[in-house]
Each structure stands twice: as C-alpha cells, then as structure tokens.
Protein backbone atom coordinates (compact mmCIF):
# COMPACT_ATOMS: atom_id res chain seq x y z
CA UNK A 1 -26.97 13.38 19.57
CA UNK A 2 -23.93 12.31 16.93
CA UNK A 3 -21.00 14.54 16.85
CA UNK A 4 -19.57 14.70 13.36
CA UNK A 5 -15.91 16.00 12.55
CA UNK A 6 -15.58 16.48 8.62
CA UNK A 7 -12.40 16.75 6.47
CA UNK A 8 -14.16 18.68 3.44
CA UNK A 9 -10.65 18.39 1.74
CA UNK A 10 -10.05 14.64 1.91
CA UNK A 11 -9.14 12.98 -1.12
CA UNK A 12 -9.28 16.17 -3.16
CA UNK A 13 -12.74 16.99 -2.02
CA UNK A 14 -14.47 13.84 -1.81
CA UNK A 15 -14.95 14.72 2.02
CA UNK A 16 -17.20 17.32 1.64
CA UNK A 17 -19.07 15.40 -1.50
CA UNK A 18 -19.28 12.29 0.48
CA UNK A 19 -20.52 14.41 3.42
CA UNK A 20 -23.42 16.18 1.65
CA UNK A 21 -24.85 12.42 1.00
CA UNK A 22 -24.65 12.06 4.47
CA UNK A 23 -26.56 14.75 5.68
CA UNK A 24 -29.21 14.40 3.30
CA UNK A 25 -29.78 10.81 4.83
CA UNK A 26 -29.44 11.94 8.14
CA UNK A 27 -32.35 14.70 7.56
CA UNK A 28 -34.50 11.81 5.92
CA UNK A 29 -33.87 9.84 9.04
CA UNK A 30 -34.72 12.62 11.30
CA UNK A 31 -31.37 12.09 13.31
CA UNK A 32 -30.41 14.37 15.55
CA UNK A 33 -26.71 15.69 15.18
CA UNK A 34 -23.81 18.30 14.72
CA UNK A 35 -21.39 18.63 12.18
CA UNK A 36 -18.23 20.66 12.81
CA UNK A 37 -15.96 20.97 9.15
CA UNK A 38 -11.75 21.40 9.86
CA UNK A 39 -10.64 24.44 8.10
CA UNK A 40 -6.77 24.05 8.65
CA UNK A 41 -4.27 21.48 10.15
CA UNK A 42 -4.59 20.48 13.81
CA UNK A 43 -8.55 21.87 13.87
CA UNK A 44 -9.78 18.50 14.32
CA UNK A 45 -7.50 18.08 17.58
CA UNK A 46 -9.22 21.40 18.66
CA UNK A 47 -13.11 20.32 17.52
CA UNK A 48 -12.65 16.69 19.38
CA UNK A 49 -11.10 18.48 22.68
CA UNK A 50 -13.44 20.76 23.14
CA UNK A 51 -16.48 18.02 22.32
CA UNK A 52 -14.75 15.86 25.09
CA UNK A 53 -13.88 17.88 28.02
CA UNK A 54 -17.35 17.57 29.65
CA UNK A 55 -17.08 13.94 31.85
CA UNK A 56 -20.25 12.93 30.20
CA UNK A 57 -19.49 9.78 27.37
CA UNK A 58 -19.92 11.03 23.75
CA UNK A 59 -19.99 9.82 19.94
CA UNK A 60 -17.81 11.07 17.52
CA UNK A 61 -17.96 10.09 14.04
CA UNK A 62 -15.10 11.39 11.90
CA UNK A 63 -15.03 11.81 7.88
CA UNK A 64 -11.83 11.78 6.57
CA UNK A 65 -8.45 10.21 6.15
CA UNK A 66 -6.13 8.58 8.44
CA UNK A 67 -4.41 12.04 9.33
CA UNK A 68 -7.79 13.59 10.35
CA UNK A 69 -8.63 10.50 12.07
CA UNK A 70 -4.99 10.85 13.93
CA UNK A 71 -5.99 14.84 14.75
CA UNK A 72 -9.34 13.80 16.09
CA UNK A 73 -8.21 11.30 18.39
CA UNK A 74 -5.12 13.43 19.72
CA UNK A 75 -7.89 15.79 21.31
CA UNK A 76 -10.23 13.15 22.92
CA UNK A 77 -9.78 14.15 26.55
CA UNK A 78 -10.53 10.94 27.76
CA UNK A 79 -10.49 7.87 25.51
CA UNK A 80 -12.73 5.65 27.86
CA UNK A 81 -15.76 8.14 27.87
CA UNK A 82 -15.76 8.19 23.69
CA UNK A 83 -17.29 6.09 21.39
CA UNK A 84 -15.34 6.60 17.61
CA UNK A 85 -17.12 5.87 14.39
CA UNK A 86 -15.08 6.19 11.69
CA UNK A 87 -16.40 6.77 7.29
CA UNK A 88 -12.84 6.68 5.77
CA UNK A 89 -12.49 9.05 2.83
CA UNK A 90 -8.67 9.13 2.70
CA UNK A 91 -5.82 8.38 0.27
CA UNK A 92 -4.52 5.35 2.54
CA UNK A 93 -7.24 4.47 4.80
CA UNK A 94 -5.21 1.68 6.80
CA UNK A 95 -7.13 1.99 10.19
CA UNK A 96 -10.37 1.37 8.08
CA UNK A 97 -8.46 -1.57 6.10
CA UNK A 98 -7.10 -3.21 9.29
CA UNK A 99 -10.06 -3.63 10.98
CA UNK A 100 -12.14 -3.87 7.84
CA UNK A 101 -14.35 -1.37 7.94
CA UNK A 102 -16.93 -0.64 5.43
CA UNK A 103 -15.61 2.24 2.87
CA UNK A 104 -18.96 3.18 1.32
CA UNK A 105 -20.06 6.23 2.98
CA UNK A 106 -23.89 5.63 3.23
CA UNK A 107 -23.02 1.99 3.84
CA UNK A 108 -21.06 2.80 6.91
CA UNK A 109 -23.25 5.64 8.09
CA UNK A 110 -26.02 2.95 8.36
CA UNK A 111 -23.91 1.01 10.13
CA UNK A 112 -23.15 3.38 12.80
CA UNK A 113 -26.52 4.43 13.50
CA UNK A 114 -27.13 0.97 14.05
CA UNK A 115 -24.02 -0.82 15.57
CA UNK A 116 -23.63 -4.41 15.37
CA UNK A 117 -20.56 -4.67 17.90
CA UNK A 118 -17.41 -2.11 18.97
CA UNK A 119 -13.75 -3.14 18.89
CA UNK A 120 -11.45 -1.98 21.73
CA UNK A 121 -8.52 -0.67 19.40
CA UNK A 122 -4.96 0.04 21.23
CA UNK A 123 -3.93 3.90 21.27
CA UNK A 124 -0.33 4.24 20.75
CA UNK A 125 1.89 7.02 22.16
CA UNK A 126 5.29 8.75 20.89
CA UNK A 127 7.53 10.76 22.74
CA UNK A 128 10.23 13.16 21.64
CA UNK A 129 11.87 15.73 23.57
CA UNK A 130 11.49 16.88 26.88
CA UNK A 131 7.68 17.31 26.53
CA UNK A 132 6.26 16.56 23.18
CA UNK A 133 3.89 13.37 23.23
CA UNK A 134 1.43 12.39 20.22
CA UNK A 135 -0.77 9.84 20.01
CA UNK A 136 -0.81 7.49 16.81
CA UNK A 137 -3.72 5.38 15.79
CA UNK A 138 -2.03 3.03 12.86
CA UNK A 139 1.66 3.62 13.54
CA UNK A 140 4.66 6.09 13.55
CA UNK A 141 8.01 6.25 12.05
CA UNK A 142 11.21 7.26 11.92
CA UNK A 143 13.48 7.79 8.53
CA UNK A 144 12.20 6.52 4.93
CA UNK A 145 8.63 6.34 5.69
CA UNK A 146 8.05 9.47 7.58
CA UNK A 147 10.05 11.29 4.77
CA UNK A 148 7.75 9.60 2.22
CA UNK A 149 4.88 10.80 4.52
CA UNK A 150 6.39 14.26 4.28
CA UNK A 151 6.64 14.80 1.09
CA UNK A 152 3.05 13.33 -0.03
CA UNK A 153 1.60 15.60 1.81
CA UNK A 154 2.69 18.49 -0.45
CA UNK A 155 3.08 16.82 -3.29
CA UNK A 156 0.77 17.42 -6.62
CA UNK A 157 0.88 13.72 -7.58
CA UNK A 158 -1.17 13.06 -4.85
CA UNK A 159 -3.97 15.72 -5.97
CA UNK A 160 -3.53 14.10 -9.27
CA UNK A 161 -4.18 10.50 -8.21
CA UNK A 162 -6.98 11.29 -6.26
CA UNK A 163 -8.99 12.36 -8.90
CA UNK A 164 -8.60 9.27 -10.68
CA UNK A 165 -9.43 7.34 -7.92
CA UNK A 166 -5.23 6.10 -7.38
CA UNK A 167 -4.72 7.97 -4.32
CA UNK A 168 -2.92 5.24 -2.55
CA UNK A 169 -0.28 4.88 -5.14
CA UNK A 170 1.32 8.23 -4.26
CA UNK A 171 2.75 6.64 -1.41
CA UNK A 172 4.64 4.05 -3.34
CA UNK A 173 5.26 6.57 -6.24
CA UNK A 174 6.67 9.00 -4.08
CA UNK A 175 8.53 6.06 -2.03
CA UNK A 176 10.81 5.11 -5.61
CA UNK A 177 12.35 8.89 -5.80
CA UNK A 178 13.25 9.06 -2.35
CA UNK A 179 14.56 5.71 -1.80
CA UNK A 180 16.84 6.71 -4.67
CA UNK A 181 18.11 9.91 -2.80
CA UNK A 182 18.44 9.06 0.82
CA UNK A 183 21.35 8.17 2.65
CA UNK A 184 20.86 5.21 5.53
CA UNK A 185 21.57 6.00 9.01
CA UNK A 186 22.92 4.18 12.05
CA UNK A 187 20.14 3.32 14.25
CA UNK A 188 19.62 2.09 17.80
CA UNK A 189 16.53 0.47 19.54
CA UNK A 190 16.05 -0.21 22.74
CA UNK A 191 12.70 -2.74 23.15
CA UNK A 192 11.36 -2.83 26.61
CA UNK A 193 14.36 -1.31 28.19
CA UNK A 194 16.29 -4.31 27.28
CA UNK A 195 19.94 -4.90 25.51
CA UNK A 196 20.28 -2.05 22.89
CA UNK A 197 20.23 -3.64 19.09
CA UNK A 198 22.20 -1.58 16.83
CA UNK A 199 21.61 -1.20 13.11
CA UNK A 200 23.74 0.03 10.05
CA UNK A 201 22.63 1.55 7.08
CA UNK A 202 19.04 2.04 8.31
CA UNK A 203 16.47 2.84 5.89
CA UNK A 204 13.27 3.28 8.76
CA UNK A 205 11.92 2.31 11.74
CA UNK A 206 8.44 2.01 12.18
CA UNK A 207 6.22 1.14 15.21
CA UNK A 208 3.24 -0.59 14.25
CA UNK A 209 -0.07 -0.27 16.01
CA UNK A 210 -1.99 -2.06 12.49
CA UNK A 211 -0.43 -4.38 9.69
CA UNK A 212 -0.69 -1.28 7.59
CA UNK A 213 0.86 1.86 6.59
CA UNK A 214 1.56 4.22 3.38
CA UNK A 215 -1.47 2.83 1.57
CA UNK A 216 -1.25 -1.04 1.99
CA UNK A 217 2.22 -1.57 2.68
CA UNK A 218 2.08 -4.66 5.28
CA UNK A 219 5.05 -3.65 6.84
CA UNK A 220 4.27 -5.86 10.12
CA UNK A 221 1.85 -8.63 9.23
CA UNK A 222 1.38 -9.93 12.82
CA UNK A 223 0.47 -6.50 14.43
CA UNK A 224 -2.98 -6.40 16.21
CA UNK A 225 -4.83 -3.34 17.49
CA UNK A 226 -6.16 -4.95 20.11
CA UNK A 227 -3.35 -7.12 21.76
CA UNK A 228 -1.88 -4.38 24.21
CA UNK A 229 1.43 -4.94 21.81
CA UNK A 230 2.88 -3.08 19.45
CA UNK A 231 5.13 -4.42 16.30
CA UNK A 232 8.20 -2.79 15.19
CA UNK A 233 9.96 -3.10 11.85
CA UNK A 234 13.67 -2.21 10.60
CA UNK A 235 15.12 -2.11 6.94
CA UNK A 236 18.85 -2.04 7.28
CA UNK A 237 22.07 -3.30 6.01
CA UNK A 238 20.19 -3.69 2.36
CA UNK A 239 21.81 -1.76 -0.80
CA UNK A 240 19.41 0.61 -2.69
CA UNK A 241 18.72 -1.77 -5.68
CA UNK A 242 17.74 -4.77 -3.39
CA UNK A 243 15.52 -2.25 -1.25
CA UNK A 244 13.80 -1.09 -4.20
CA UNK A 245 12.91 -4.41 -5.77
CA UNK A 246 11.84 -5.49 -1.71
CA UNK A 247 9.37 -2.52 -1.84
CA UNK A 248 6.55 -4.07 -3.52
CA UNK A 249 6.57 -7.42 -1.51
CA UNK A 250 5.20 -5.40 0.95
CA UNK A 251 1.86 -5.18 -0.49
CA UNK A 252 1.63 -9.13 0.82
CA UNK A 253 3.81 -8.95 3.62
CA UNK A 254 6.31 -11.28 2.36
CA UNK A 255 9.36 -8.89 2.74
CA UNK A 256 9.56 -10.09 6.78
CA UNK A 257 11.66 -13.11 4.84
CA UNK A 258 14.37 -11.40 3.62
CA UNK A 259 17.53 -10.83 4.86
CA UNK A 260 17.98 -7.11 6.19
CA UNK A 261 14.34 -7.13 7.54
CA UNK A 262 13.61 -7.00 10.86
CA UNK A 263 10.76 -7.15 13.05
CA UNK A 264 10.32 -7.24 16.86
CA UNK A 265 7.12 -7.09 19.32
CA UNK A 266 7.26 -5.07 22.55
CA UNK A 267 5.36 -2.77 24.88
CA UNK A 268 7.80 -0.34 24.66
CA UNK A 269 10.79 1.14 22.15
CA UNK A 270 13.23 3.76 22.31
CA UNK A 271 14.69 4.52 18.61
CA UNK A 272 18.14 6.52 18.32
CA UNK A 273 19.54 7.77 15.50
CA UNK A 274 22.88 9.24 14.52
CA UNK A 275 21.08 12.63 12.53
CA UNK A 276 18.24 13.44 12.70
CA UNK A 277 15.69 11.92 10.39
CA UNK A 278 11.72 12.89 9.47
CA UNK A 279 9.41 11.30 12.07
CA UNK A 280 5.45 11.07 11.47
CA UNK A 281 2.57 9.56 13.21
CA UNK A 282 -0.03 8.37 11.20
CA UNK A 283 1.44 9.97 8.34
CA UNK A 284 1.43 13.17 9.54
CA UNK A 285 4.59 14.93 9.84
CA UNK A 286 6.88 15.87 12.67
CA UNK A 287 9.66 17.76 12.60
CA UNK A 288 13.03 16.10 12.28
CA UNK A 289 14.30 13.88 15.44
CA UNK A 290 17.12 11.82 16.76
CA UNK A 291 15.45 10.00 19.64
CA UNK A 292 12.11 9.12 20.10
CA UNK A 293 9.98 6.72 22.75
CA UNK A 294 7.01 4.88 21.78
CA UNK A 295 4.32 3.11 24.17
CA UNK A 296 0.86 2.49 24.63
CA UNK A 297 -2.05 4.24 26.02
CA UNK A 298 -3.49 3.24 29.30
CA UNK A 299 -6.94 3.51 28.11
CA UNK A 300 -8.23 1.60 24.41
CA UNK A 301 -10.90 3.36 22.37
CA UNK A 302 -14.07 2.05 21.64
CA UNK A 303 -14.64 1.91 17.76
CA UNK A 304 -18.02 1.01 16.15
CA UNK A 305 -17.70 -1.98 13.82
CA UNK A 306 -19.03 -1.37 10.40
C-alpha cells in the first residue's frame, strides 16, 4: 500500500493538477494506495506522524515542494523504518535537483512504482531555545537567506511567476530587494566545538546538507547529502554592491572563490548573532533567533531513486 501526501496548492495549484494525472494512472494499473491532502501549514507533519507511528515499515510518497517535504520528514516517527518517494512540484525543487530526481510527475511515478535503487540521505537537525528542534532536508539558515524565504512565502510575485513557469526566479527577485534594505550583523560560528570564528557585517550563515538552496543557488558546491558531513557558508565583510554582483555567480558555484565568502565542513555548528535574525529550515520560516545549533540525525532516510 502506497501512502501519498499531496500539497494541492503547490506551485499555485499545479500540485492538484499533477495528482489528478497520477491518480488516473494508479487506477489504470490497479495500484493500491491511500491519499492525504494537506489543508494548512504543518498538516503534512501531522499526516506523516500518524502514518508512521506504527512499528511496521511504510512507503510514503510526497507530492509538493521542498517545504511540503520538510513538513513530512519532520513527522516521520522513525527515519530508518520509512522509504520515501518524492514527486517535486515546488518552486525551487532543490532536493530533487541535488539528487537528480525525475521532475515529470508521471515519469516519476513509474520509477517510484518500480524502483531501480535507493539513496541513503542524511537529515539535518536544527535546535534553538531550550526545547525547539526541527529537521531539515536541504538546508537551514540564519540572516539574509532566511529573510528571503520569509518574504517569498507571502509574496504575490511568487504566485505570478509560478503561473508563467518561472517560480524559481521569485527567490532571486526578492533577494535583490532585501539585500538593499538589510543591515549586516556580527556573527560567531563554532564548528565541532572548536575555537569560535568571528565575522563582522555578516549577511547570512547557512548550513547545507545539499549543494543547492533557494531555487538553484549552488551555495555549497561540494555538499553531499550522504557523506555524514554538513557544509556551512558564511557571507560577510562585503559592501552591498559587491554582494549584489556576487549573487548571480552562486548559480554556478563560482562565488566560493571570492573574498568575503567562507565555506566549512563539520558535523555540528553553533551560530550566534548579535541580534535576532530570520531563520528557515528548507525555506520554511522559523521565528527570529540569536542562537542556533545544527547537526545530523542519527539515522539516514532511504529515498527512492527516480
């Protein structure tokens, strides 16, 4: 039995249209399935938690964007007992881009039903405050990149660009406007409990499990979601005009060769900011924070190769 978690509103309604095509194919093939539609923010987490509370292994297939995938992964009771399939219908699709997953819904379905292999994927864990913990699949960040995610989440521009098939550009468009208005802050990073690293005038710090973020920005080109290591990028000490010119080079990963861009590899990282800044996990907003700690979950998630 396949369990589908569907975000019908993904990419301004493309999620529902894709599901109707998939549902028809499932009926034609007499494939047993159950389907659950998300109705509000956080609903995919509740659905996944209910489905995976049993001790038996379960196959979950998520149809939506990186945000829906993030919610579903946060609801999985035991990562080791779940096999995940993913049909990307979002604006950014950075998870699918990194793993080379099929993005055509019907072609993806065919491969999910007859798997050729599986990919063991690390899952990140972000902690803040005394009790708050949230998993991330692609990335988590503090500062500018999180601010972009916050604005894109409520932007009418994203809806418009999705309708004309250019949804991933919404992140770049919002980034330009936000960059001109933000105030860089002092940050301190501690990697694997070693000597703290201090950065003045920091635009953002991102913890990357995959190379891509924000619709194709290749912030950490060497990041590998299966190597048991997190990659970290910090952009600091640059004037705004240089940062603005540097931003387009991140689509190809060339930005890492410029002064002001620092990358690191670690198992854990603590990030402290002198002022509370926006936070995100896989593009999903988190309330502004001054201190974060990130690491990797003890178990990997088995993802169906498509």
